[in-house]
């Protein structure tokens, strides 16, 4: 299947395509001068420094992630056992302060 344009439309379309594809002749290369695409040693040094910084950040993040527990939930099995212990054990005896005052806050 080929695309054919009517004769009345073909000439303006062809003329506009030729105008749009022309290179600018006034010396403006659209920012692409003789130094376009070249990098300086300073730019290369900055790139290397960024890569080193990223490597240190990844190393630090890995160390921190190894310290994170697998789950932040409290173990449910220990809670009932602690409550049962508290009910069966007697309360601890009250400690006396050196000056003879009791440690109870209500006194």
N, C-alpha and C. Protein backbone atom coordinates (compact mmCIF):
# COMPACT_ATOMS: atom_id res chain seq x y z
N UNK A 1 0.85 -1.16 0.00
CA UNK A 1 0.00 0.00 0.00
C UNK A 1 0.90 1.22 0.00
N UNK A 2 0.67 2.08 -0.91
CA UNK A 2 1.49 3.29 -1.00
C UNK A 2 0.63 4.50 -0.71
N UNK A 3 1.28 5.51 -0.21
CA UNK A 3 0.58 6.74 0.13
C UNK A 3 0.78 7.73 -1.01
N UNK A 4 -0.29 8.12 -1.61
CA UNK A 4 -0.19 9.10 -2.69
C UNK A 4 -1.00 10.32 -2.31
N UNK A 5 -0.39 11.47 -2.54
CA UNK A 5 -1.05 12.73 -2.24
C UNK A 5 -1.61 13.33 -3.52
N UNK A 6 -2.73 14.00 -3.41
CA UNK A 6 -3.24 14.70 -4.60
C UNK A 6 -2.24 15.78 -5.04
N UNK A 7 -2.26 16.14 -6.28
CA UNK A 7 -1.30 17.07 -6.85
C UNK A 7 -1.36 18.43 -6.16
N UNK A 8 -2.53 18.87 -5.74
CA UNK A 8 -2.67 20.18 -5.10
C UNK A 8 -2.06 20.22 -3.71
N UNK A 9 -1.89 19.07 -3.07
CA UNK A 9 -1.34 19.01 -1.72
C UNK A 9 0.14 18.66 -1.76
N UNK A 10 0.59 17.95 -2.77
CA UNK A 10 1.96 17.45 -2.84
C UNK A 10 2.98 18.58 -2.89
N UNK A 11 2.72 19.63 -3.67
CA UNK A 11 3.68 20.72 -3.80
C UNK A 11 3.90 21.47 -2.48
N UNK A 12 2.87 21.89 -1.74
CA UNK A 12 3.12 22.57 -0.46
C UNK A 12 3.79 21.66 0.57
N UNK A 13 3.44 20.39 0.59
CA UNK A 13 4.05 19.46 1.54
C UNK A 13 5.52 19.29 1.22
N UNK A 14 5.87 19.11 -0.04
CA UNK A 14 7.26 18.94 -0.45
C UNK A 14 8.06 20.19 -0.16
N UNK A 15 7.50 21.36 -0.42
CA UNK A 15 8.21 22.61 -0.17
C UNK A 15 8.44 22.81 1.33
N UNK A 16 7.46 22.49 2.15
CA UNK A 16 7.64 22.67 3.59
C UNK A 16 8.66 21.68 4.15
N UNK A 17 8.72 20.47 3.62
CA UNK A 17 9.70 19.50 4.06
C UNK A 17 11.10 19.97 3.70
N UNK A 18 11.28 20.52 2.50
CA UNK A 18 12.59 21.01 2.11
C UNK A 18 13.04 22.20 2.96
N UNK A 19 12.12 23.05 3.33
CA UNK A 19 12.46 24.21 4.16
C UNK A 19 12.82 23.77 5.58
N UNK A 20 12.07 22.82 6.12
CA UNK A 20 12.31 22.37 7.49
C UNK A 20 13.60 21.58 7.64
N UNK A 21 14.05 20.90 6.59
CA UNK A 21 15.24 20.08 6.70
C UNK A 21 16.53 20.81 6.35
N UNK A 22 16.45 22.08 5.99
CA UNK A 22 17.65 22.83 5.66
C UNK A 22 18.48 23.14 6.90
N UNK A 23 19.79 23.15 6.72
CA UNK A 23 20.70 23.56 7.78
C UNK A 23 20.72 25.09 7.81
N UNK A 24 20.81 25.65 9.01
CA UNK A 24 20.86 27.11 9.07
C UNK A 24 22.15 27.61 8.41
N UNK A 25 22.03 28.61 7.59
CA UNK A 25 23.18 29.14 6.85
C UNK A 25 23.78 30.37 7.49
N UNK A 26 23.22 30.82 8.62
CA UNK A 26 23.72 32.05 9.23
C UNK A 26 24.82 31.79 10.26
N UNK A 27 25.38 30.62 10.32
CA UNK A 27 26.45 30.31 11.25
C UNK A 27 25.96 29.80 12.59
N UNK A 28 24.67 29.80 12.82
CA UNK A 28 24.13 29.29 14.08
C UNK A 28 23.93 27.78 13.94
N UNK A 29 24.71 27.04 14.66
CA UNK A 29 24.62 25.58 14.59
C UNK A 29 23.77 25.00 15.70
N UNK A 30 22.98 25.81 16.33
CA UNK A 30 22.11 25.31 17.38
C UNK A 30 22.87 24.90 18.62
N UNK A 31 23.95 25.59 18.94
CA UNK A 31 24.74 25.27 20.11
C UNK A 31 25.76 24.18 19.87
N UNK A 32 25.90 23.74 18.64
CA UNK A 32 26.85 22.68 18.32
C UNK A 32 28.07 23.28 17.63
N UNK A 33 28.88 23.98 18.41
CA UNK A 33 30.09 24.59 17.87
C UNK A 33 31.19 23.56 17.73
N UNK A 34 32.42 24.04 17.56
CA UNK A 34 33.54 23.12 17.35
C UNK A 34 33.88 22.32 18.59
N UNK A 35 33.48 22.81 19.78
CA UNK A 35 33.75 22.09 21.02
C UNK A 35 32.58 21.21 21.46
N UNK A 36 31.56 21.09 20.66
CA UNK A 36 30.38 20.31 21.04
C UNK A 36 30.76 18.83 21.14
N UNK A 37 30.37 18.21 22.26
CA UNK A 37 30.60 16.79 22.45
C UNK A 37 31.94 16.45 23.07
N UNK A 38 32.78 17.45 23.29
CA UNK A 38 34.08 17.19 23.90
C UNK A 38 33.97 17.43 25.39
N UNK A 39 34.67 16.63 26.15
CA UNK A 39 34.67 16.81 27.60
C UNK A 39 36.06 17.22 28.05
N UNK A 40 36.09 17.86 29.18
CA UNK A 40 37.38 18.31 29.71
C UNK A 40 37.84 17.34 30.79
N UNK A 41 39.10 17.39 31.15
CA UNK A 41 39.59 16.53 32.24
C UNK A 41 38.91 16.85 33.57
N UNK A 42 38.49 18.08 33.76
CA UNK A 42 37.79 18.44 35.00
C UNK A 42 36.44 17.72 35.07
N UNK A 43 35.74 17.66 33.96
CA UNK A 43 34.47 16.94 33.93
C UNK A 43 34.65 15.46 34.22
N UNK A 44 35.70 14.88 33.69
CA UNK A 44 36.00 13.48 33.94
C UNK A 44 36.31 13.25 35.43
N UNK A 45 37.06 14.17 36.03
CA UNK A 45 37.39 14.07 37.45
C UNK A 45 36.13 14.16 38.31
N UNK A 46 35.23 15.06 37.96
CA UNK A 46 33.96 15.18 38.70
C UNK A 46 33.15 13.90 38.58
N UNK A 47 33.13 13.31 37.40
CA UNK A 47 32.40 12.06 37.20
C UNK A 47 32.99 10.94 38.06
N UNK A 48 34.31 10.85 38.12
CA UNK A 48 34.97 9.82 38.94
C UNK A 48 34.65 10.05 40.41
N UNK A 49 34.68 11.31 40.86
CA UNK A 49 34.36 11.61 42.26
C UNK A 49 32.92 11.22 42.60
N UNK A 50 31.99 11.46 41.68
CA UNK A 50 30.60 11.06 41.90
C UNK A 50 30.48 9.54 42.00
N UNK A 51 31.19 8.82 41.17
CA UNK A 51 31.13 7.36 41.22
C UNK A 51 31.71 6.83 42.54
N UNK A 52 32.78 7.44 43.02
CA UNK A 52 33.35 7.03 44.30
C UNK A 52 32.37 7.31 45.44
N UNK A 53 31.72 8.48 45.39
CA UNK A 53 30.75 8.83 46.43
C UNK A 53 29.58 7.85 46.42
N UNK A 54 29.11 7.46 45.25
CA UNK A 54 28.01 6.50 45.16
C UNK A 54 28.44 5.15 45.72
N UNK A 55 29.67 4.74 45.46
CA UNK A 55 30.16 3.47 45.99
C UNK A 55 30.18 3.49 47.52
N UNK A 56 30.64 4.59 48.12
CA UNK A 56 30.63 4.69 49.58
C UNK A 56 29.21 4.72 50.13
N UNK A 57 28.30 5.39 49.46
CA UNK A 57 26.91 5.42 49.92
C UNK A 57 26.27 4.03 49.86
N UNK A 58 26.54 3.28 48.82
CA UNK A 58 26.00 1.92 48.71
C UNK A 58 26.57 1.04 49.80
N UNK A 59 27.86 1.18 50.09
CA UNK A 59 28.49 0.39 51.15
C UNK A 59 27.88 0.71 52.51
N UNK A 60 27.66 1.98 52.77
CA UNK A 60 27.06 2.40 54.03
C UNK A 60 25.62 1.90 54.16
N UNK A 61 24.87 2.01 53.07
CA UNK A 61 23.48 1.55 53.09
C UNK A 61 23.42 0.04 53.35
N UNK A 62 24.34 -0.71 52.75
CA UNK A 62 24.36 -2.15 52.95
C UNK A 62 24.63 -2.49 54.41
N UNK A 63 25.57 -1.79 55.03
CA UNK A 63 25.86 -2.03 56.45
C UNK A 63 24.64 -1.74 57.32
N UNK A 64 23.96 -0.64 57.04
CA UNK A 64 22.79 -0.28 57.84
C UNK A 64 21.64 -1.26 57.63
N UNK A 65 21.47 -1.74 56.41
CA UNK A 65 20.38 -2.68 56.14
C UNK A 65 20.63 -4.04 56.79
N UNK A 66 21.89 -4.40 56.99
CA UNK A 66 22.19 -5.67 57.67
C UNK A 66 21.80 -5.61 59.14
N UNK A 67 21.76 -4.41 59.73
CA UNK A 67 21.42 -4.25 61.14
C UNK A 67 19.91 -4.19 61.38
N UNK A 68 19.13 -4.04 60.34
CA UNK A 68 17.67 -3.93 60.49
C UNK A 68 17.10 -5.32 60.77
N UNK A 69 16.24 -5.44 61.79
CA UNK A 69 15.65 -6.76 62.08
C UNK A 69 14.70 -7.18 60.97
N UNK A 70 14.48 -8.48 60.89
CA UNK A 70 13.60 -9.01 59.84
C UNK A 70 12.17 -8.52 60.02
N UNK A 71 11.75 -8.35 61.27
CA UNK A 71 10.39 -7.90 61.55
C UNK A 71 10.41 -6.98 62.76
N UNK A 72 9.60 -5.94 62.73
CA UNK A 72 9.51 -5.02 63.85
C UNK A 72 8.37 -5.39 64.80
N UNK A 73 7.64 -6.46 64.48
CA UNK A 73 6.54 -6.89 65.33
C UNK A 73 7.09 -7.56 66.58
N UNK A 74 6.41 -7.35 67.70
CA UNK A 74 6.79 -8.01 68.95
C UNK A 74 6.37 -9.47 68.86
N UNK A 75 7.15 -10.38 69.37
CA UNK A 75 6.74 -11.78 69.34
C UNK A 75 5.50 -11.99 70.21
N UNK A 76 4.46 -12.53 69.64
CA UNK A 76 3.19 -12.72 70.35
C UNK A 76 3.28 -13.85 71.38
N UNK A 77 4.17 -14.80 71.19
CA UNK A 77 4.27 -15.95 72.10
C UNK A 77 4.82 -15.55 73.46
N UNK A 78 5.64 -14.53 73.55
CA UNK A 78 6.24 -14.15 74.82
C UNK A 78 5.28 -13.36 75.70
N UNK A 79 4.34 -12.64 75.14
CA UNK A 79 3.43 -11.80 75.93
C UNK A 79 2.54 -12.61 76.88
N UNK A 80 1.86 -13.67 76.42
CA UNK A 80 1.04 -14.43 77.37
C UNK A 80 1.89 -15.11 78.44
N UNK A 81 3.05 -15.56 78.09
CA UNK A 81 3.91 -16.22 79.07
C UNK A 81 4.32 -15.23 80.15
N UNK A 82 4.60 -14.00 79.79
CA UNK A 82 4.99 -12.99 80.76
C UNK A 82 3.81 -12.63 81.67
N UNK A 83 2.63 -12.60 81.12
CA UNK A 83 1.44 -12.30 81.94
C UNK A 83 1.18 -13.42 82.94
N UNK A 84 1.33 -14.68 82.51
CA UNK A 84 1.12 -15.81 83.41
C UNK A 84 2.15 -15.81 84.52
N UNK A 85 3.38 -15.48 84.23
CA UNK A 85 4.42 -15.42 85.24
C UNK A 85 4.08 -14.36 86.27
N UNK A 86 3.64 -13.21 85.81
CA UNK A 86 3.32 -12.10 86.70
C UNK A 86 2.19 -12.45 87.65
N UNK A 87 1.24 -13.26 87.24
CA UNK A 87 0.12 -13.63 88.10
C UNK A 87 0.54 -14.65 89.16
N UNK A 88 1.46 -15.54 88.84
CA UNK A 88 1.84 -16.59 89.78
C UNK A 88 2.93 -16.15 90.74
N UNK A 89 3.75 -15.21 90.37
CA UNK A 89 4.83 -14.77 91.25
C UNK A 89 4.32 -13.74 92.24
N UNK A 90 4.96 -13.71 93.37
CA UNK A 90 4.61 -12.71 94.38
C UNK A 90 5.35 -11.42 94.05
N UNK A 91 4.78 -10.28 94.43
CA UNK A 91 5.47 -9.02 94.15
C UNK A 91 6.78 -8.95 94.92
N UNK A 92 7.73 -8.24 94.37
CA UNK A 92 9.04 -8.11 95.00
C UNK A 92 8.90 -7.27 96.26
N UNK A 93 9.69 -7.60 97.31
CA UNK A 93 9.61 -6.83 98.55
C UNK A 93 10.08 -5.40 98.32
N UNK A 94 9.51 -4.50 99.09
CA UNK A 94 9.82 -3.08 98.94
C UNK A 94 11.21 -2.81 99.50
N UNK A 95 12.01 -2.07 98.72
CA UNK A 95 13.36 -1.74 99.16
C UNK A 95 13.32 -0.51 100.05
N UNK A 96 14.13 -0.52 101.06
CA UNK A 96 14.20 0.62 101.97
C UNK A 96 15.28 1.57 101.51
N UNK A 97 15.00 2.84 101.60
CA UNK A 97 15.98 3.87 101.27
C UNK A 97 16.96 4.01 102.44
N UNK A 98 18.16 4.49 102.18
CA UNK A 98 19.14 4.61 103.26
C UNK A 98 18.70 5.53 104.39
N UNK A 99 17.86 6.50 104.12
CA UNK A 99 17.44 7.44 105.16
C UNK A 99 16.20 6.96 105.89
N UNK A 100 15.72 5.77 105.59
CA UNK A 100 14.57 5.21 106.29
C UNK A 100 13.27 5.44 105.56
N UNK A 101 13.22 6.22 104.47
CA UNK A 101 11.98 6.47 103.73
C UNK A 101 11.70 5.29 102.81
N UNK A 102 10.45 5.07 102.53
CA UNK A 102 10.10 3.96 101.63
C UNK A 102 10.20 4.45 100.19
N UNK A 103 10.29 3.48 99.25
CA UNK A 103 10.42 3.82 97.86
C UNK A 103 9.06 4.04 97.20
N UNK A 104 7.97 3.84 97.89
CA UNK A 104 6.65 4.06 97.31
C UNK A 104 6.44 5.54 97.08
N UNK A 105 5.89 5.89 95.96
CA UNK A 105 5.71 7.30 95.59
C UNK A 105 4.50 7.91 96.26
N UNK A 106 3.57 7.13 96.69
CA UNK A 106 2.36 7.65 97.30
C UNK A 106 2.55 8.09 98.74
N UNK A 107 3.60 7.66 99.40
CA UNK A 107 3.83 7.97 100.81
C UNK A 107 4.30 9.39 101.01
